[in-house]
């Protein structure tokens, strides 16, 4: 038994070292590759595919480790993970994110038994450590999209003023990329660069809607594409679109005020079980230690943690109303 545990520990430590070496040798995503990737998507829409050179540059951004990169290219979810990290504004390869998750999960699973010898608790903590990097990326993605959504009406207003002053629409895109803060400036700069490098404006705008999955951006892109086909007063269209977006924000703020009590209640209910365990362990340790010393205790804690996560997700979905 002890020999088996020693062999398993050695294998896990060796795997952690290999994953750590992979993280240390990782590289950053090439900016030119990002632009060529956007051009490749546009060519794929218009002609049914891109050149092998562009596909090669696009595929190389999955991972800096060749074998791992080829493995990720066979997975259908790797592309979604790449868009997920890009929407968070993080310059990290999907392969590196997976390696970080594996290192943290396996590391906690190996180290924790030396402090608390229980395989069930170690497995739960290891799983939480493995999903930690993904949770961080999701938090950064939500923050970045909210910042974009907050500044986006100003970008639409600036485009409308530029068109009304007699500038071309592409010139208005460049003005937005220089006058407004991030992340709006960076996204519109990428749109301007894509069409400057030869990508049709339709495809550049479609790429914007894919990179920024916000309803307002989809309205913006759809309105511009319809205007491109039918014509009309572009400045008036942008002004009306900006007014609609601001009205939606006004309604959203009203909804958040009316649901503030529900969200506060949800936060209290979510934080109450772990807070009570910590409080009881401080006030009366013998009352709670049974959960950690009895053989059935870790299973009960694992079931309680799972139910806590499920209940938290459901409760948070109820109190967060989308407008």
C-alpha atoms as a PDB file:
ATOM      1  CA  UNK A   1       0.000   0.000   0.000  1.00  0.00           C
ATOM      2  CA  UNK A   2       2.753   2.426   0.968  1.00  0.00           C
ATOM      3  CA  UNK A   3       4.722   1.464  -2.153  1.00  0.00           C
ATOM      4  CA  UNK A   4       1.690   2.202  -4.339  1.00  0.00           C
ATOM      5  CA  UNK A   5       1.190   5.609  -2.750  1.00  0.00           C
ATOM      6  CA  UNK A   6       4.883   6.397  -3.197  1.00  0.00           C
ATOM      7  CA  UNK A   7       4.748   5.454  -6.889  1.00  0.00           C
ATOM      8  CA  UNK A   8       1.565   7.516  -7.393  1.00  0.00           C
ATOM      9  CA  UNK A   9       3.128  10.517  -5.637  1.00  0.00           C
ATOM     10  CA  UNK A  10       6.277  10.244  -7.765  1.00  0.00           C
ATOM     11  CA  UNK A  11       4.207  10.066 -10.957  1.00  0.00           C
ATOM     12  CA  UNK A  12       2.115  13.099  -9.993  1.00  0.00           C
ATOM     13  CA  UNK A  13       5.192  15.151  -9.039  1.00  0.00           C
ATOM     14  CA  UNK A  14       6.889  14.230 -12.320  1.00  0.00           C
ATOM     15  CA  UNK A  15       3.760  15.242 -14.244  1.00  0.00           C
ATOM     16  CA  UNK A  16       3.655  18.568 -12.381  1.00  0.00           C
ATOM     17  CA  UNK A  17       7.303  19.229 -13.267  1.00  0.00           C
ATOM     18  CA  UNK A  18       6.644  18.446 -16.938  1.00  0.00           C
ATOM     19  CA  UNK A  19       3.614  20.730 -16.980  1.00  0.00           C
ATOM     20  CA  UNK A  20       5.616  23.454 -15.254  1.00  0.00           C
ATOM     21  CA  UNK A  21       8.316  23.155 -17.919  1.00  0.00           C
ATOM     22  CA  UNK A  22       5.623  23.541 -20.545  1.00  0.00           C
ATOM     23  CA  UNK A  23       4.385  26.716 -18.861  1.00  0.00           C
ATOM     24  CA  UNK A  24       7.882  28.151 -18.619  1.00  0.00           C
ATOM     25  CA  UNK A  25       8.525  27.587 -22.324  1.00  0.00           C
ATOM     26  CA  UNK A  26       5.237  29.141 -23.461  1.00  0.00           C
ATOM     27  CA  UNK A  27       5.160  32.176 -25.724  1.00  0.00           C
ATOM     28  CA  UNK A  28       2.834  35.084 -26.337  1.00  0.00           C
ATOM     29  CA  UNK A  29       0.374  35.278 -29.158  1.00  0.00           C
ATOM     30  CA  UNK A  30       1.682  37.037 -32.230  1.00  0.00           C
ATOM     31  CA  UNK A  31      -0.203  40.204 -33.137  1.00  0.00           C
ATOM     32  CA  UNK A  32       0.356  39.600 -36.846  1.00  0.00           C
ATOM     33  CA  UNK A  33      -1.057  36.115 -36.377  1.00  0.00           C
ATOM     34  CA  UNK A  34      -4.201  37.605 -34.850  1.00  0.00           C
ATOM     35  CA  UNK A  35      -4.690  39.905 -37.803  1.00  0.00           C
ATOM     36  CA  UNK A  36      -4.043  37.155 -40.332  1.00  0.00           C
ATOM     37  CA  UNK A  37      -6.458  34.960 -38.400  1.00  0.00           C
ATOM     38  CA  UNK A  38      -9.167  37.591 -38.835  1.00  0.00           C
ATOM     39  CA  UNK A  39      -8.378  37.846 -42.545  1.00  0.00           C
ATOM     40  CA  UNK A  40      -8.563  34.055 -42.781  1.00  0.00           C
ATOM     41  CA  UNK A  41     -12.041  34.059 -41.224  1.00  0.00           C
ATOM     42  CA  UNK A  42     -13.142  36.644 -43.747  1.00  0.00           C
ATOM     43  CA  UNK A  43     -11.752  34.657 -46.660  1.00  0.00           C
ATOM     44  CA  UNK A  44     -13.460  31.561 -45.285  1.00  0.00           C
ATOM     45  CA  UNK A  45     -16.832  33.288 -45.331  1.00  0.00           C
ATOM     46  CA  UNK A  46     -16.438  34.626 -48.835  1.00  0.00           C
ATOM     47  CA  UNK A  47     -14.609  31.786 -50.606  1.00  0.00           C
ATOM     48  CA  UNK A  48     -15.163  28.761 -48.397  1.00  0.00           C
ATOM     49  CA  UNK A  49     -11.633  28.560 -46.985  1.00  0.00           C
ATOM     50  CA  UNK A  50      -8.286  30.250 -46.524  1.00  0.00           C
ATOM     51  CA  UNK A  51      -4.757  29.673 -47.600  1.00  0.00           C
ATOM     52  CA  UNK A  52      -2.640  27.008 -45.835  1.00  0.00           C
ATOM     53  CA  UNK A  53      -0.176  29.675 -44.682  1.00  0.00           C
ATOM     54  CA  UNK A  54      -2.886  31.656 -42.882  1.00  0.00           C
ATOM     55  CA  UNK A  55      -4.309  28.509 -41.338  1.00  0.00           C
ATOM     56  CA  UNK A  56      -0.862  27.546 -40.119  1.00  0.00           C
ATOM     57  CA  UNK A  57      -0.379  30.912 -38.437  1.00  0.00           C
ATOM     58  CA  UNK A  58      -3.850  30.671 -36.938  1.00  0.00           C
ATOM     59  CA  UNK A  59      -3.289  27.156 -35.608  1.00  0.00           C
ATOM     60  CA  UNK A  60       0.048  27.985 -33.974  1.00  0.00           C
ATOM     61  CA  UNK A  61      -1.598  30.163 -31.348  1.00  0.00           C
ATOM     62  CA  UNK A  62      -3.182  27.171 -29.576  1.00  0.00           C
ATOM     63  CA  UNK A  63      -0.037  26.183 -27.689  1.00  0.00           C
ATOM     64  CA  UNK A  64       3.708  26.696 -27.851  1.00  0.00           C
ATOM     65  CA  UNK A  65       4.281  22.954 -27.297  1.00  0.00           C
ATOM     66  CA  UNK A  66       4.079  21.255 -30.732  1.00  0.00           C
ATOM     67  CA  UNK A  67       2.581  17.941 -29.602  1.00  0.00           C
ATOM     68  CA  UNK A  68       0.107  19.583 -27.273  1.00  0.00           C
ATOM     69  CA  UNK A  69      -0.752  22.074 -30.011  1.00  0.00           C
ATOM     70  CA  UNK A  70      -1.586  19.272 -32.447  1.00  0.00           C
ATOM     71  CA  UNK A  71      -3.692  17.592 -29.776  1.00  0.00           C
ATOM     72  CA  UNK A  72      -5.662  20.778 -29.153  1.00  0.00           C
ATOM     73  CA  UNK A  73      -6.254  21.282 -32.857  1.00  0.00           C
ATOM     74  CA  UNK A  74      -8.193  18.013 -32.938  1.00  0.00           C
ATOM     75  CA  UNK A  75     -10.510  19.178 -30.121  1.00  0.00           C
ATOM     76  CA  UNK A  76     -13.632  21.096 -31.103  1.00  0.00           C
ATOM     77  CA  UNK A  77     -13.714  23.021 -27.821  1.00  0.00           C
ATOM     78  CA  UNK A  78     -10.206  24.450 -28.208  1.00  0.00           C
ATOM     79  CA  UNK A  79     -11.425  27.226 -30.516  1.00  0.00           C
ATOM     80  CA  UNK A  80     -14.114  28.237 -28.016  1.00  0.00           C
ATOM     81  CA  UNK A  81     -11.516  28.312 -25.265  1.00  0.00           C
ATOM     82  CA  UNK A  82      -9.303  30.546 -27.408  1.00  0.00           C
ATOM     83  CA  UNK A  83     -12.190  32.994 -27.947  1.00  0.00           C
ATOM     84  CA  UNK A  84     -12.961  32.823 -24.229  1.00  0.00           C
ATOM     85  CA  UNK A  85      -9.439  33.923 -23.244  1.00  0.00           C
ATOM     86  CA  UNK A  86      -9.378  36.576 -25.979  1.00  0.00           C
ATOM     87  CA  UNK A  87     -12.649  38.061 -24.729  1.00  0.00           C
ATOM     88  CA  UNK A  88     -11.071  38.323 -21.278  1.00  0.00           C
ATOM     89  CA  UNK A  89      -8.293  40.495 -22.740  1.00  0.00           C
ATOM     90  CA  UNK A  90      -5.599  38.113 -21.475  1.00  0.00           C
ATOM     91  CA  UNK A  91      -2.554  37.412 -23.602  1.00  0.00           C
ATOM     92  CA  UNK A  92      -2.501  33.714 -22.710  1.00  0.00           C
ATOM     93  CA  UNK A  93      -2.615  30.683 -24.945  1.00  0.00           C
ATOM     94  CA  UNK A  94      -5.359  28.101 -24.403  1.00  0.00           C
ATOM     95  CA  UNK A  95      -2.727  25.433 -23.872  1.00  0.00           C
ATOM     96  CA  UNK A  96      -1.086  27.449 -21.116  1.00  0.00           C
ATOM     97  CA  UNK A  97      -4.430  27.914 -19.354  1.00  0.00           C
ATOM     98  CA  UNK A  98      -4.992  24.156 -19.417  1.00  0.00           C
ATOM     99  CA  UNK A  99      -1.494  23.542 -18.073  1.00  0.00           C
ATOM    100  CA  UNK A 100      -1.992  26.034 -15.252  1.00  0.00           C
ATOM    101  CA  UNK A 101      -5.216  24.274 -14.284  1.00  0.00           C
ATOM    102  CA  UNK A 102      -3.503  20.883 -14.305  1.00  0.00           C
ATOM    103  CA  UNK A 103      -0.531  22.113 -12.259  1.00  0.00           C
ATOM    104  CA  UNK A 104      -2.712  23.731  -9.595  1.00  0.00           C
ATOM    105  CA  UNK A 105      -5.107  20.792  -9.395  1.00  0.00           C
ATOM    106  CA  UNK A 106      -2.446  18.095  -9.200  1.00  0.00           C
ATOM    107  CA  UNK A 107      -0.236  20.185  -6.923  1.00  0.00           C
ATOM    108  CA  UNK A 108      -2.977  20.706  -4.354  1.00  0.00           C
ATOM    109  CA  UNK A 109      -3.987  17.055  -4.598  1.00  0.00           C
ATOM    110  CA  UNK A 110      -0.411  15.933  -3.881  1.00  0.00           C
ATOM    111  CA  UNK A 111       0.495  18.492  -1.196  1.00  0.00           C
ATOM    112  CA  UNK A 112      -2.708  18.572   0.856  1.00  0.00           C
ATOM    113  CA  UNK A 113      -2.496  14.970   2.224  1.00  0.00           C
ATOM    114  CA  UNK A 114       0.704  15.904   4.052  1.00  0.00           C
ATOM    115  CA  UNK A 115      -1.286  18.459   6.081  1.00  0.00           C
ATOM    116  CA  UNK A 116      -4.696  16.752   6.159  1.00  0.00           C
ATOM    117  CA  UNK A 117      -4.532  13.017   5.370  1.00  0.00           C
ATOM    118  CA  UNK A 118      -7.878  12.510   3.659  1.00  0.00           C
ATOM    119  CA  UNK A 119      -8.063  11.532   0.021  1.00  0.00           C
ATOM    120  CA  UNK A 120     -11.638  12.809  -0.459  1.00  0.00           C
ATOM    121  CA  UNK A 121     -10.853  16.303   0.827  1.00  0.00           C
ATOM    122  CA  UNK A 122      -7.645  16.361  -1.245  1.00  0.00           C
ATOM    123  CA  UNK A 123      -9.625  15.442  -4.374  1.00  0.00           C
ATOM    124  CA  UNK A 124     -12.207  18.189  -3.719  1.00  0.00           C
ATOM    125  CA  UNK A 125      -9.508  20.804  -3.132  1.00  0.00           C
ATOM    126  CA  UNK A 126      -7.648  19.608  -6.226  1.00  0.00           C
ATOM    127  CA  UNK A 127     -10.768  20.021  -8.358  1.00  0.00           C
ATOM    128  CA  UNK A 128     -11.319  23.514  -6.966  1.00  0.00           C
ATOM    129  CA  UNK A 129      -7.699  24.387  -7.745  1.00  0.00           C
ATOM    130  CA  UNK A 130      -8.039  23.032 -11.290  1.00  0.00           C
ATOM    131  CA  UNK A 131     -11.058  25.231 -12.052  1.00  0.00           C
ATOM    132  CA  UNK A 132      -9.480  28.270 -10.363  1.00  0.00           C
ATOM    133  CA  UNK A 133      -7.704  29.648 -13.484  1.00  0.00           C
ATOM    134  CA  UNK A 134     -10.885  29.256 -15.544  1.00  0.00           C
ATOM    135  CA  UNK A 135     -12.873  31.132 -12.898  1.00  0.00           C
ATOM    136  CA  UNK A 136     -10.274  33.918 -12.963  1.00  0.00           C
ATOM    137  CA  UNK A 137     -10.494  34.162 -16.763  1.00  0.00           C
ATOM    138  CA  UNK A 138     -14.294  34.223 -16.547  1.00  0.00           C
ATOM    139  CA  UNK A 139     -14.130  37.050 -14.002  1.00  0.00           C
ATOM    140  CA  UNK A 140     -11.757  39.053 -16.203  1.00  0.00           C
ATOM    141  CA  UNK A 141     -13.974  38.408 -19.220  1.00  0.00           C
ATOM    142  CA  UNK A 142     -17.086  39.640 -17.409  1.00  0.00           C
ATOM    143  CA  UNK A 143     -15.287  42.772 -16.182  1.00  0.00           C
ATOM    144  CA  UNK A 144     -13.937  43.554 -19.647  1.00  0.00           C
ATOM    145  CA  UNK A 145     -17.301  43.076 -21.361  1.00  0.00           C
ATOM    146  CA  UNK A 146     -18.994  45.293 -18.782  1.00  0.00           C
ATOM    147  CA  UNK A 147     -16.388  48.001 -19.339  1.00  0.00           C
ATOM    148  CA  UNK A 148     -16.920  47.715 -23.096  1.00  0.00           C
ATOM    149  CA  UNK A 149     -20.686  47.874 -22.690  1.00  0.00           C
ATOM    150  CA  UNK A 150     -20.394  50.987 -20.530  1.00  0.00           C
ATOM    151  CA  UNK A 151     -18.280  52.920 -23.061  1.00  0.00           C
ATOM    152  CA  UNK A 152     -19.893  51.577 -26.238  1.00  0.00           C
ATOM    153  CA  UNK A 153     -22.634  54.292 -26.477  1.00  0.00           C
ATOM    154  CA  UNK A 154     -19.910  56.947 -26.515  1.00  0.00           C
ATOM    155  CA  UNK A 155     -18.244  55.140 -29.412  1.00  0.00           C
ATOM    156  CA  UNK A 156     -21.509  55.105 -31.373  1.00  0.00           C
ATOM    157  CA  UNK A 157     -22.003  58.824 -30.645  1.00  0.00           C
ATOM    158  CA  UNK A 158     -18.475  59.594 -31.810  1.00  0.00           C
ATOM    159  CA  UNK A 159     -19.033  57.643 -35.020  1.00  0.00           C
ATOM    160  CA  UNK A 160     -22.259  59.574 -35.641  1.00  0.00           C
ATOM    161  CA  UNK A 161     -20.539  62.932 -35.119  1.00  0.00           C
ATOM    162  CA  UNK A 162     -17.672  61.921 -37.412  1.00  0.00           C
ATOM    163  CA  UNK A 163     -20.052  60.899 -40.198  1.00  0.00           C
ATOM    164  CA  UNK A 164     -22.118  64.076 -39.741  1.00  0.00           C
ATOM    165  CA  UNK A 165     -18.919  66.151 -40.018  1.00  0.00           C
ATOM    166  CA  UNK A 166     -18.199  64.618 -43.434  1.00  0.00           C
ATOM    167  CA  UNK A 167     -15.624  61.971 -42.508  1.00  0.00           C
ATOM    168  CA  UNK A 168     -15.707  58.476 -43.919  1.00  0.00           C
ATOM    169  CA  UNK A 169     -16.985  55.702 -41.685  1.00  0.00           C
ATOM    170  CA  UNK A 170     -13.556  54.050 -41.589  1.00  0.00           C
ATOM    171  CA  UNK A 171     -12.053  57.359 -40.438  1.00  0.00           C
ATOM    172  CA  UNK A 172     -14.620  57.373 -37.638  1.00  0.00           C
ATOM    173  CA  UNK A 173     -13.404  53.930 -36.611  1.00  0.00           C
ATOM    174  CA  UNK A 174      -9.875  55.265 -36.350  1.00  0.00           C
ATOM    175  CA  UNK A 175     -11.091  58.221 -34.282  1.00  0.00           C
ATOM    176  CA  UNK A 176     -12.824  55.876 -31.845  1.00  0.00           C
ATOM    177  CA  UNK A 177      -9.639  53.828 -31.485  1.00  0.00           C
ATOM    178  CA  UNK A 178      -7.645  56.927 -30.535  1.00  0.00           C
ATOM    179  CA  UNK A 179     -10.146  58.982 -28.532  1.00  0.00           C
ATOM    180  CA  UNK A 180     -11.836  56.416 -26.273  1.00  0.00           C
ATOM    181  CA  UNK A 181     -10.337  54.206 -23.524  1.00  0.00           C
ATOM    182  CA  UNK A 182      -9.847  50.469 -23.536  1.00  0.00           C
ATOM    183  CA  UNK A 183     -11.328  47.985 -24.263  1.00  0.00           C
ATOM    184  CA  UNK A 184     -13.450  49.874 -26.821  1.00  0.00           C
ATOM    185  CA  UNK A 185     -10.404  51.504 -28.383  1.00  0.00           C
ATOM    186  CA  UNK A 186      -8.598  48.190 -28.888  1.00  0.00           C
ATOM    187  CA  UNK A 187     -11.566  46.442 -30.476  1.00  0.00           C
ATOM    188  CA  UNK A 188     -12.306  49.304 -32.890  1.00  0.00           C
ATOM    189  CA  UNK A 189      -8.601  49.576 -33.656  1.00  0.00           C
ATOM    190  CA  UNK A 190      -8.648  45.913 -34.658  1.00  0.00           C
ATOM    191  CA  UNK A 191     -11.676  46.541 -36.896  1.00  0.00           C
ATOM    192  CA  UNK A 192      -9.881  49.464 -38.539  1.00  0.00           C
ATOM    193  CA  UNK A 193      -6.685  47.434 -39.005  1.00  0.00           C
ATOM    194  CA  UNK A 194      -8.569  44.482 -40.492  1.00  0.00           C
ATOM    195  CA  UNK A 195     -10.264  46.566 -43.164  1.00  0.00           C
ATOM    196  CA  UNK A 196      -7.002  48.455 -43.779  1.00  0.00           C
ATOM    197  CA  UNK A 197      -5.227  45.159 -44.482  1.00  0.00           C
ATOM    198  CA  UNK A 198      -7.837  44.271 -47.088  1.00  0.00           C
ATOM    199  CA  UNK A 199     -10.595  42.499 -45.185  1.00  0.00           C
ATOM    200  CA  UNK A 200     -14.074  43.603 -46.336  1.00  0.00           C
ATOM    201  CA  UNK A 201     -15.808  45.906 -43.884  1.00  0.00           C
ATOM    202  CA  UNK A 202     -18.700  43.460 -43.575  1.00  0.00           C
ATOM    203  CA  UNK A 203     -16.368  40.712 -42.345  1.00  0.00           C
ATOM    204  CA  UNK A 204     -14.476  43.079 -40.047  1.00  0.00           C
ATOM    205  CA  UNK A 205     -17.740  44.091 -38.373  1.00  0.00           C
ATOM    206  CA  UNK A 206     -18.828  40.456 -38.135  1.00  0.00           C
ATOM    207  CA  UNK A 207     -15.541  39.645 -36.418  1.00  0.00           C
ATOM    208  CA  UNK A 208     -16.273  42.421 -33.925  1.00  0.00           C
ATOM    209  CA  UNK A 209     -19.633  40.835 -33.095  1.00  0.00           C
ATOM    210  CA  UNK A 210     -17.893  37.479 -32.575  1.00  0.00           C
ATOM    211  CA  UNK A 211     -15.159  38.897 -30.347  1.00  0.00           C
ATOM    212  CA  UNK A 212     -17.568  40.950 -28.221  1.00  0.00           C
ATOM    213  CA  UNK A 213     -20.698  38.841 -27.534  1.00  0.00           C
ATOM    214  CA  UNK A 214     -22.900  41.733 -26.384  1.00  0.00           C
ATOM    215  CA  UNK A 215     -26.434  42.395 -27.610  1.00  0.00           C
ATOM    216  CA  UNK A 216     -25.697  46.069 -28.282  1.00  0.00           C
ATOM    217  CA  UNK A 217     -22.765  45.189 -30.531  1.00  0.00           C
ATOM    218  CA  UNK A 218     -24.959  42.780 -32.500  1.00  0.00           C
ATOM    219  CA  UNK A 219     -27.551  45.526 -32.954  1.00  0.00           C
ATOM    220  CA  UNK A 220     -24.776  47.877 -34.086  1.00  0.00           C
ATOM    221  CA  UNK A 221     -23.322  45.438 -36.616  1.00  0.00           C
ATOM    222  CA  UNK A 222     -26.744  44.397 -37.935  1.00  0.00           C
ATOM    223  CA  UNK A 223     -27.833  48.014 -38.398  1.00  0.00           C
ATOM    224  CA  UNK A 224     -24.636  48.869 -40.279  1.00  0.00           C
ATOM    225  CA  UNK A 225     -24.899  45.828 -42.554  1.00  0.00           C
ATOM    226  CA  UNK A 226     -28.522  46.635 -43.392  1.00  0.00           C
ATOM    227  CA  UNK A 227     -27.576  50.253 -44.070  1.00  0.00           C
ATOM    228  CA  UNK A 228     -24.800  49.076 -46.363  1.00  0.00           C
ATOM    229  CA  UNK A 229     -27.365  47.172 -48.439  1.00  0.00           C
ATOM    230  CA  UNK A 230     -30.246  49.679 -48.391  1.00  0.00           C
ATOM    231  CA  UNK A 231     -28.565  53.051 -47.867  1.00  0.00           C
ATOM    232  CA  UNK A 232     -29.969  55.990 -45.903  1.00  0.00           C
ATOM    233  CA  UNK A 233     -28.860  58.545 -43.340  1.00  0.00           C
ATOM    234  CA  UNK A 234     -26.019  56.841 -41.459  1.00  0.00           C
ATOM    235  CA  UNK A 235     -25.616  59.649 -38.902  1.00  0.00           C
ATOM    236  CA  UNK A 236     -29.305  59.495 -37.931  1.00  0.00           C
ATOM    237  CA  UNK A 237     -29.092  55.699 -37.727  1.00  0.00           C
ATOM    238  CA  UNK A 238     -26.143  55.887 -35.320  1.00  0.00           C
ATOM    239  CA  UNK A 239     -27.884  58.512 -33.201  1.00  0.00           C
ATOM    240  CA  UNK A 240     -31.010  56.364 -32.907  1.00  0.00           C
ATOM    241  CA  UNK A 241     -28.935  53.318 -32.051  1.00  0.00           C
ATOM    242  CA  UNK A 242     -27.093  55.222 -29.325  1.00  0.00           C
ATOM    243  CA  UNK A 243     -30.421  56.361 -27.858  1.00  0.00           C
ATOM    244  CA  UNK A 244     -31.711  52.773 -27.804  1.00  0.00           C
ATOM    245  CA  UNK A 245     -28.581  51.560 -26.039  1.00  0.00           C
ATOM    246  CA  UNK A 246     -28.801  54.307 -23.418  1.00  0.00           C
ATOM    247  CA  UNK A 247     -32.487  53.533 -22.820  1.00  0.00           C
ATOM    248  CA  UNK A 248     -31.598  49.893 -22.250  1.00  0.00           C
ATOM    249  CA  UNK A 249     -28.967  50.927 -19.713  1.00  0.00           C
ATOM    250  CA  UNK A 250     -31.530  53.104 -17.967  1.00  0.00           C
ATOM    251  CA  UNK A 251     -33.924  50.168 -17.752  1.00  0.00           C
ATOM    252  CA  UNK A 252     -31.137  47.884 -16.535  1.00  0.00           C
ATOM    253  CA  UNK A 253     -30.223  50.276 -13.711  1.00  0.00           C
ATOM    254  CA  UNK A 254     -33.880  50.458 -12.683  1.00  0.00           C
ATOM    255  CA  UNK A 255     -34.090  46.661 -12.590  1.00  0.00           C
ATOM    256  CA  UNK A 256     -30.900  46.409 -10.512  1.00  0.00           C
ATOM    257  CA  UNK A 257     -32.278  48.886  -7.985  1.00  0.00           C
ATOM    258  CA  UNK A 258     -35.519  46.946  -7.645  1.00  0.00           C
ATOM    259  CA  UNK A 259     -33.708  43.608  -7.269  1.00  0.00           C
ATOM    260  CA  UNK A 260     -31.026  44.876  -4.861  1.00  0.00           C
ATOM    261  CA  UNK A 261     -32.714  43.267  -1.849  1.00  0.00           C
ATOM    262  CA  UNK A 262     -32.963  39.912  -3.628  1.00  0.00           C
ATOM    263  CA  UNK A 263     -29.294  39.989  -4.627  1.00  0.00           C
ATOM    264  CA  UNK A 264     -28.281  40.877  -1.068  1.00  0.00           C
ATOM    265  CA  UNK A 265     -30.360  37.986   0.260  1.00  0.00           C
ATOM    266  CA  UNK A 266     -28.782  35.650  -2.279  1.00  0.00           C
ATOM    267  CA  UNK A 267     -25.292  36.719  -1.223  1.00  0.00           C
ATOM    268  CA  UNK A 268     -26.078  36.139   2.439  1.00  0.00           C
ATOM    269  CA  UNK A 269     -27.566  32.688   1.782  1.00  0.00           C
ATOM    270  CA  UNK A 270     -24.564  31.688  -0.341  1.00  0.00           C
ATOM    271  CA  UNK A 271     -22.020  32.829   2.267  1.00  0.00           C
ATOM    272  CA  UNK A 272     -23.916  31.519   5.315  1.00  0.00           C
ATOM    273  CA  UNK A 273     -22.909  27.782   5.290  1.00  0.00           C
ATOM    274  CA  UNK A 274     -19.103  28.242   5.031  1.00  0.00           C
ATOM    275  CA  UNK A 275     -19.237  31.180   7.438  1.00  0.00           C
ATOM    276  CA  UNK A 276     -21.108  29.078  10.001  1.00  0.00           C
ATOM    277  CA  UNK A 277     -18.573  26.258   9.724  1.00  0.00           C
ATOM    278  CA  UNK A 278     -15.682  28.661  10.338  1.00  0.00           C
ATOM    279  CA  UNK A 279     -17.500  30.293  13.232  1.00  0.00           C
ATOM    280  CA  UNK A 280     -18.348  26.980  14.915  1.00  0.00           C
ATOM    281  CA  UNK A 281     -14.787  25.720  14.485  1.00  0.00           C
ATOM    282  CA  UNK A 282     -13.623  28.833  16.326  1.00  0.00           C
ATOM    283  CA  UNK A 283     -16.249  28.827  19.085  1.00  0.00           C
ATOM    284  CA  UNK A 284     -16.809  25.083  19.600  1.00  0.00           C
ATOM    285  CA  UNK A 285     -14.285  22.981  17.632  1.00  0.00           C
ATOM    286  CA  UNK A 286     -15.436  19.654  19.085  1.00  0.00           C
ATOM    287  CA  UNK A 287     -18.916  20.176  17.659  1.00  0.00           C
ATOM    288  CA  UNK A 288     -17.656  20.501  14.063  1.00  0.00           C
ATOM    289  CA  UNK A 289     -14.551  18.313  14.108  1.00  0.00           C
ATOM    290  CA  UNK A 290     -16.750  15.245  13.831  1.00  0.00           C
ATOM    291  CA  UNK A 291     -17.278  16.119  10.170  1.00  0.00           C
ATOM    292  CA  UNK A 292     -13.516  15.927   9.618  1.00  0.00           C
ATOM    293  CA  UNK A 293     -12.647  12.947  11.844  1.00  0.00           C
ATOM    294  CA  UNK A 294     -15.525  10.558  11.190  1.00  0.00           C
ATOM    295  CA  UNK A 295     -15.115   8.388   8.051  1.00  0.00           C
ATOM    296  CA  UNK A 296     -18.500   9.520   6.706  1.00  0.00           C
ATOM    297  CA  UNK A 297     -17.759  13.206   7.385  1.00  0.00           C
ATOM    298  CA  UNK A 298     -15.760  13.966   4.202  1.00  0.00           C
ATOM    299  CA  UNK A 299     -18.514  12.445   2.059  1.00  0.00           C
ATOM    300  CA  UNK A 300     -21.096  14.636   3.764  1.00  0.00           C
ATOM    301  CA  UNK A 301     -18.875  17.691   3.284  1.00  0.00           C
ATOM    302  CA  UNK A 302     -18.424  16.842  -0.401  1.00  0.00           C
ATOM    303  CA  UNK A 303     -22.167  16.420  -0.920  1.00  0.00           C
ATOM    304  CA  UNK A 304     -22.827  19.682   0.947  1.00  0.00           C
ATOM    305  CA  UNK A 305     -20.256  21.526  -1.175  1.00  0.00           C
ATOM    306  CA  UNK A 306     -21.803  20.188  -4.386  1.00  0.00           C
ATOM    307  CA  UNK A 307     -25.314  21.187  -3.301  1.00  0.00           C
ATOM    308  CA  UNK A 308     -23.978  24.578  -2.226  1.00  0.00           C
ATOM    309  CA  UNK A 309     -22.508  25.210  -5.679  1.00  0.00           C
ATOM    310  CA  UNK A 310     -25.672  24.095  -7.483  1.00  0.00           C
ATOM    311  CA  UNK A 311     -27.911  26.164  -5.204  1.00  0.00           C
ATOM    312  CA  UNK A 312     -25.665  29.217  -5.583  1.00  0.00           C
ATOM    313  CA  UNK A 313     -25.783  29.030  -9.384  1.00  0.00           C
ATOM    314  CA  UNK A 314     -29.570  28.639  -9.445  1.00  0.00           C
ATOM    315  CA  UNK A 315     -30.116  31.403  -6.889  1.00  0.00           C
ATOM    316  CA  UNK A 316     -27.813  33.808  -8.693  1.00  0.00           C
ATOM    317  CA  UNK A 317     -29.578  33.113 -11.984  1.00  0.00           C
ATOM    318  CA  UNK A 318     -32.909  34.003 -10.376  1.00  0.00           C
ATOM    319  CA  UNK A 319     -31.821  37.366  -8.941  1.00  0.00           C
ATOM    320  CA  UNK A 320     -29.753  38.487 -11.983  1.00  0.00           C
ATOM    321  CA  UNK A 321     -32.303  39.581 -14.578  1.00  0.00           C
ATOM    322  CA  UNK A 322     -31.020  40.155 -18.099  1.00  0.00           C
ATOM    323  CA  UNK A 323     -32.315  43.249 -19.897  1.00  0.00           C
END
